[in-house]
């Protein structure tokens, strides 16, 4: 018994078969909403006939400034292994960046000022994250220790 085509499928004769043979190919029309993707920033992926969509992010422009790598960022991630690193990352807020003499680094004072401003913004962002993580860790540690003391006092 042959499968019945759905109502939206139209039977199409195959050109490579003889008209006397009863071979019929089924051509299905893709749904327009799936072929275009649900959002303007999506496109159809793969040639397997599946209607998978994925969001495509445009590459960064050459003029965009990326956030520089700074020590407090590493301290933040290492703090999950040893919370003392969060304290070190938060202490960066107390340190002031100083410019290097132009004859040593080969950059003008204006270029150094721009670079120091970018570095300081990135350092402050990650240092405040370290401070927040440290405060949260200390609050959780205080609640746990108070709970343990109270539980032992009741027994």
Protein backbone atom coordinates (compact mmCIF):
# COMPACT_ATOMS: atom_id res chain seq x y z
CA UNK A 1 0.00 0.00 0.00
CA UNK A 2 1.48 3.38 -0.99
CA UNK A 3 1.44 6.42 1.31
CA UNK A 4 -1.14 9.03 0.49
CA UNK A 5 0.18 12.52 -0.27
CA UNK A 6 -1.00 15.36 1.92
CA UNK A 7 -3.49 17.86 0.57
CA UNK A 8 -0.82 20.55 0.13
CA UNK A 9 1.44 18.28 -1.94
CA UNK A 10 0.99 18.24 -5.70
CA UNK A 11 1.78 15.09 -7.71
CA UNK A 12 4.44 15.61 -10.34
CA UNK A 13 5.43 13.13 -13.07
CA UNK A 14 9.10 12.28 -13.17
CA UNK A 15 10.63 13.21 -16.55
CA UNK A 16 13.10 10.29 -16.49
CA UNK A 17 10.35 7.63 -16.50
CA UNK A 18 8.25 6.33 -19.34
CA UNK A 19 4.65 7.64 -19.38
CA UNK A 20 3.32 4.10 -19.14
CA UNK A 21 4.98 3.56 -15.74
CA UNK A 22 3.05 4.65 -12.68
CA UNK A 23 5.87 6.52 -10.90
CA UNK A 24 4.77 9.73 -9.27
CA UNK A 25 7.09 12.01 -7.31
CA UNK A 26 5.72 14.27 -4.61
CA UNK A 27 6.96 17.85 -4.48
CA UNK A 28 6.26 19.69 -1.26
CA UNK A 29 6.29 23.45 -1.11
CA UNK A 30 8.17 24.88 1.89
CA UNK A 31 6.23 27.07 4.21
CA UNK A 32 7.16 30.73 3.53
CA UNK A 33 7.36 31.57 7.24
CA UNK A 34 9.90 28.78 7.88
CA UNK A 35 12.01 29.44 4.79
CA UNK A 36 12.54 33.08 5.72
CA UNK A 37 13.12 32.48 9.42
CA UNK A 38 11.18 33.94 12.33
CA UNK A 39 13.39 37.02 12.67
CA UNK A 40 15.12 39.25 10.13
CA UNK A 41 18.55 38.31 11.55
CA UNK A 42 18.09 34.57 10.97
CA UNK A 43 18.65 32.32 8.01
CA UNK A 44 18.07 28.69 7.08
CA UNK A 45 20.98 26.39 7.88
CA UNK A 46 21.91 23.10 6.23
CA UNK A 47 20.76 21.32 3.12
CA UNK A 48 19.10 18.39 4.87
CA UNK A 49 15.65 19.87 4.38
CA UNK A 50 15.25 20.67 8.06
CA UNK A 51 14.08 24.15 8.89
CA UNK A 52 16.72 25.02 11.46
CA UNK A 53 17.40 28.69 12.03
CA UNK A 54 20.24 30.37 13.79
CA UNK A 55 20.97 33.99 14.66
CA UNK A 56 23.87 35.51 12.78
CA UNK A 57 25.79 38.22 14.60
CA UNK A 58 27.61 40.69 12.39
CA UNK A 59 31.40 40.77 12.84
CA UNK A 60 32.78 43.67 14.85
CA UNK A 61 33.75 46.71 12.83
CA UNK A 62 37.42 47.53 12.57
CA UNK A 63 36.90 50.84 14.32
CA UNK A 64 35.22 49.33 17.38
CA UNK A 65 37.36 49.24 20.50
CA UNK A 66 37.40 45.90 22.30
CA UNK A 67 37.62 45.70 26.08
CA UNK A 68 41.26 45.15 27.08
CA UNK A 69 42.35 42.17 29.15
CA UNK A 70 42.98 43.27 32.74
CA UNK A 71 44.08 41.54 35.95
CA UNK A 72 40.79 41.98 37.89
CA UNK A 73 39.07 39.87 35.20
CA UNK A 74 41.41 36.96 35.95
CA UNK A 75 41.01 37.57 39.69
CA UNK A 76 37.23 37.38 39.29
CA UNK A 77 37.31 33.97 37.62
CA UNK A 78 40.02 32.57 39.91
CA UNK A 79 37.97 33.78 42.89
CA UNK A 80 35.52 30.94 42.34
CA UNK A 81 38.37 28.55 43.17
CA UNK A 82 39.84 30.66 45.98
CA UNK A 83 37.77 33.65 47.19
CA UNK A 84 40.92 35.50 48.31
CA UNK A 85 41.39 36.46 44.65
CA UNK A 86 38.15 38.48 44.83
CA UNK A 87 39.76 40.56 47.57
CA UNK A 88 42.82 41.13 45.37
CA UNK A 89 40.59 42.11 42.46
CA UNK A 90 38.64 44.55 44.63
CA UNK A 91 41.89 46.14 45.88
CA UNK A 92 42.57 47.30 42.31
CA UNK A 93 40.04 50.06 42.98
CA UNK A 94 42.56 51.65 45.36
CA UNK A 95 45.44 51.66 42.84
CA UNK A 96 45.86 54.61 40.47
CA UNK A 97 47.23 54.03 36.98
CA UNK A 98 50.17 56.25 36.05
CA UNK A 99 51.47 57.18 32.62
CA UNK A 100 54.89 55.98 31.49
CA UNK A 101 57.27 58.67 30.19
CA UNK A 102 56.83 59.07 26.39
CA UNK A 103 60.49 58.37 25.65
CA UNK A 104 60.20 54.92 27.30
CA UNK A 105 57.03 53.63 25.63
CA UNK A 106 57.14 55.59 22.37
CA UNK A 107 53.58 56.96 22.62
CA UNK A 108 52.43 60.51 23.06
CA UNK A 109 50.82 61.72 26.26
CA UNK A 110 47.39 61.91 24.53
CA UNK A 111 47.64 58.31 23.25
CA UNK A 112 48.63 57.15 26.73
CA UNK A 113 45.75 59.07 28.30
CA UNK A 114 43.26 57.39 25.95
CA UNK A 115 44.75 53.96 26.63
CA UNK A 116 44.81 54.52 30.41
CA UNK A 117 41.17 55.62 30.33
CA UNK A 118 40.15 52.42 28.52
CA UNK A 119 42.21 50.29 30.89
CA UNK A 120 40.80 52.02 33.96
CA UNK A 121 37.20 51.54 32.78
CA UNK A 122 37.81 47.83 32.22
CA UNK A 123 39.64 47.46 35.53
CA UNK A 124 36.87 49.22 37.44
CA UNK A 125 34.20 47.06 35.81
CA UNK A 126 35.91 43.81 36.83
CA UNK A 127 37.03 45.15 40.22
CA UNK A 128 33.42 46.02 41.11
CA UNK A 129 32.41 42.52 40.03
CA UNK A 130 35.10 41.11 42.34
CA UNK A 131 33.83 43.30 45.16
CA UNK A 132 30.24 42.16 44.60
CA UNK A 133 31.27 38.51 44.52
CA UNK A 134 33.31 38.96 47.70
CA UNK A 135 30.41 40.62 49.53
CA UNK A 136 28.02 37.90 48.38
CA UNK A 137 30.48 35.20 49.49
CA UNK A 138 30.92 36.83 52.91
CA UNK A 139 27.15 37.16 53.36
CA UNK A 140 26.59 33.50 52.50
CA UNK A 141 29.45 32.45 54.79
CA UNK A 142 28.00 34.55 57.64
CA UNK A 143 24.51 33.09 57.20
CA UNK A 144 25.87 29.53 57.11
CA UNK A 145 28.10 30.03 60.15
CA UNK A 146 25.30 31.67 62.17
CA UNK A 147 22.95 28.84 61.19
CA UNK A 148 25.49 26.22 62.32
CA UNK A 149 26.06 28.01 65.68
CA UNK A 150 22.32 28.33 66.27
CA UNK A 151 21.71 24.69 65.30
CA UNK A 152 24.43 23.47 67.71
CA UNK A 153 23.06 25.68 70.47
CA UNK A 154 19.59 24.15 70.12
CA UNK A 155 20.86 20.58 70.36
